[in-house]
Structures are given as structure tokens and as C-alpha cells.
């Protein structure tokens, strides 16, 4: 079930880039990021209510460690969006998005170091190809 969801994630992420590039033309990128984040928060609250995912007992069972990592994830996500929209305003969408997707490399490194995940030679080759692709796309 994860593969169709991952493909949908990639498709919608592509739409984020195109719509954002069109929307950031005349506005400050920080303001655009703020507007987008507020809309996303309202949408996610609506989805959570609609799918009956808000469960006070589960929220109360949240540990301090879990909450800390959720907060850190939110801070990293906000920083990522701020940097992404600023780069998108200044650069070509295709180049910015390819460099942004080199996050895959950092995810691989961090998941190995922090989560202890192992990678096959095939996975390492794929990561190397991502690096090569990013270099080729951004090279003048």
C-alpha cells in the first residue's frame, strides 16, 4: 500500500512546486509560506475531524519524547518551506525542485546514522544517481 501513496505524494509535491512558482511571483516568499501554512493547517484540521482522527485519549497518551520529535519535525518542516519558497522565487522551478529533492541523500545518511537502517548496493547506486542528476540539472 505504501507505493501508490508514495507516488501520489510525489505527484502532489510536483503540483506544489508549479503552483508555488506561479503564486510567489509578486509576493514575498515568507508571506506566501505563511499563507500556505495557514491554509494547510485549516485543511488538515478539517480532514482530521472529517475522518474522526482527533482522539483526546491518544493525545493525552503522547509522551514528552514523541511530542519533542513532532515539534522538531514541525520546526524543520517550516524552515524547509521558508528556504524552498525563497529559492523558488529566485530560481527556476525545475532546478530548485531537483536540488530540493537531494534531501533523499540526507534522509539516507540520517536514517543510517540515527535510525540504524541498512542500504543495499542497489540503494546506494540509486542515491549516487540522484547526486549525479542534481549536478547535471544545476550545472550551467
Protein backbone atom coordinates (compact mmCIF):
# COMPACT_ATOMS: atom_id res chain seq x y z
CA UNK A 1 0.00 0.00 0.00
CA UNK A 2 2.95 2.35 0.52
CA UNK A 3 3.94 2.59 -3.17
CA UNK A 4 0.71 4.14 -4.52
CA UNK A 5 0.74 6.58 -1.60
CA UNK A 6 4.38 7.50 -2.29
CA UNK A 7 3.58 8.08 -5.97
CA UNK A 8 0.62 10.29 -5.02
CA UNK A 9 2.93 12.16 -2.66
CA UNK A 10 5.41 12.75 -5.50
CA UNK A 11 2.66 13.90 -7.87
CA UNK A 12 1.16 16.33 -5.39
CA UNK A 13 4.64 17.59 -4.43
CA UNK A 14 5.19 18.37 -8.11
CA UNK A 15 1.97 20.40 -8.10
CA UNK A 16 3.20 22.24 -5.00
CA UNK A 17 6.24 23.42 -6.96
CA UNK A 18 4.28 24.54 -10.02
CA UNK A 19 1.51 26.28 -8.06
CA UNK A 20 4.04 27.87 -5.68
CA UNK A 21 6.16 29.25 -8.51
CA UNK A 22 3.06 30.82 -10.04
CA UNK A 23 1.94 32.21 -6.66
CA UNK A 24 5.27 33.59 -5.45
CA UNK A 25 5.91 35.87 -8.44
CA UNK A 26 4.90 39.20 -6.89
CA UNK A 27 4.69 38.41 -3.16
CA UNK A 28 7.37 37.97 -0.52
CA UNK A 29 8.24 34.29 -0.20
CA UNK A 30 7.87 34.35 3.60
CA UNK A 31 4.35 35.76 3.30
CA UNK A 32 3.47 33.12 0.70
CA UNK A 33 4.80 30.39 3.00
CA UNK A 34 2.74 31.76 5.89
CA UNK A 35 -0.47 31.90 3.84
CA UNK A 36 0.12 28.37 2.55
CA UNK A 37 0.80 27.04 6.05
CA UNK A 38 -2.38 28.56 7.49
CA UNK A 39 -4.44 27.06 4.65
CA UNK A 40 -2.76 23.69 5.19
CA UNK A 41 -3.49 23.82 8.94
CA UNK A 42 -7.17 24.58 8.36
CA UNK A 43 -7.39 21.83 5.74
CA UNK A 44 -5.69 19.26 7.98
CA UNK A 45 -7.96 20.12 10.92
CA UNK A 46 -10.94 19.61 8.62
CA UNK A 47 -9.57 16.29 7.34
CA UNK A 48 -8.83 15.09 10.88
CA UNK A 49 -12.34 16.00 12.02
CA UNK A 50 -13.93 14.51 8.90
CA UNK A 51 -12.05 11.23 9.30
CA UNK A 52 -12.64 11.25 13.07
CA UNK A 53 -8.91 11.12 13.76
CA UNK A 54 -8.94 13.56 16.68
CA UNK A 55 -8.82 11.38 19.79
CA UNK A 56 -8.19 13.19 23.08
CA UNK A 57 -7.13 9.98 24.83
CA UNK A 58 -4.41 9.38 22.23
CA UNK A 59 -3.26 12.98 22.55
CA UNK A 60 -3.09 12.61 26.33
CA UNK A 61 -1.03 9.42 25.93
CA UNK A 62 1.58 11.28 23.87
CA UNK A 63 4.96 11.07 25.60
CA UNK A 64 7.28 14.01 26.05
CA UNK A 65 9.80 12.33 23.74
CA UNK A 66 7.19 11.87 20.98
CA UNK A 67 5.99 15.43 21.34
CA UNK A 68 9.56 16.72 21.21
CA UNK A 69 10.18 14.93 17.92
CA UNK A 70 6.86 16.15 16.49
CA UNK A 71 7.78 19.73 17.42
CA UNK A 72 11.27 19.33 15.93
CA UNK A 73 9.71 17.89 12.77
CA UNK A 74 7.38 20.90 12.54
CA UNK A 75 10.26 23.35 13.00
CA UNK A 76 12.35 21.56 10.36
CA UNK A 77 9.35 21.49 8.01
CA UNK A 78 8.71 25.21 8.46
CA UNK A 79 12.38 26.00 7.85
CA UNK A 80 12.36 23.78 4.76
CA UNK A 81 9.32 25.59 3.37
CA UNK A 82 10.83 29.02 4.04
CA UNK A 83 14.06 28.08 2.25
CA UNK A 84 12.19 26.33 -0.57
CA UNK A 85 9.87 29.24 -1.34
CA UNK A 86 12.76 31.74 -1.17
CA UNK A 87 14.77 29.58 -3.60
CA UNK A 88 11.72 29.14 -5.82
CA UNK A 89 11.21 32.89 -6.02
CA UNK A 90 14.85 33.39 -7.03
CA UNK A 91 15.41 30.39 -9.30
CA UNK A 92 13.95 28.11 -11.93
CA UNK A 93 11.34 25.68 -10.59
CA UNK A 94 12.95 22.69 -12.27
CA UNK A 95 16.39 23.38 -10.83
CA UNK A 96 15.16 24.34 -7.37
CA UNK A 97 12.97 21.26 -7.07
CA UNK A 98 15.75 18.90 -8.18
CA UNK A 99 18.16 20.34 -5.62
CA UNK A 100 15.38 20.22 -3.01
CA UNK A 101 14.92 16.52 -3.76
CA UNK A 102 18.54 15.88 -2.86
CA UNK A 103 17.00 15.70 0.60
CA UNK A 104 16.84 11.99 -0.32
CA UNK A 105 20.60 11.88 0.15
CA UNK A 106 20.39 13.47 3.58
CA UNK A 107 17.48 11.19 4.53
CA UNK A 108 19.60 8.17 3.60
CA UNK A 109 22.55 9.43 5.63
CA UNK A 110 20.44 10.37 8.67
CA UNK A 111 18.34 7.19 8.54
CA UNK A 112 21.55 5.16 8.57
CA UNK A 113 23.15 7.15 11.38
CA UNK A 114 20.11 7.85 13.55
CA UNK A 115 17.70 5.00 12.76
CA UNK A 116 20.28 2.31 12.02
CA UNK A 117 18.75 1.48 8.64
CA UNK A 118 20.87 -0.54 6.23
CA UNK A 119 21.17 0.04 2.50
CA UNK A 120 21.82 -2.43 -0.28
CA UNK A 121 24.33 -1.74 -3.04
CA UNK A 122 21.32 -1.07 -5.30
CA UNK A 123 20.06 1.61 -2.89
CA UNK A 124 23.49 3.24 -2.72
CA UNK A 125 23.67 3.24 -6.54
CA UNK A 126 20.26 4.95 -6.66
CA UNK A 127 21.43 7.63 -4.25
CA UNK A 128 24.58 8.19 -6.31
CA UNK A 129 22.41 8.61 -9.41
CA UNK A 130 20.32 11.23 -7.57
CA UNK A 131 23.53 13.14 -6.80
CA UNK A 132 24.66 12.91 -10.42
CA UNK A 133 21.22 14.01 -11.64
CA UNK A 134 21.19 17.01 -9.31
CA UNK A 135 24.65 18.06 -10.51
CA UNK A 136 23.66 17.72 -14.17
CA UNK A 137 20.42 19.67 -13.76
CA UNK A 138 22.01 22.53 -11.83
CA UNK A 139 25.19 22.76 -13.91
CA UNK A 140 25.39 25.82 -16.15
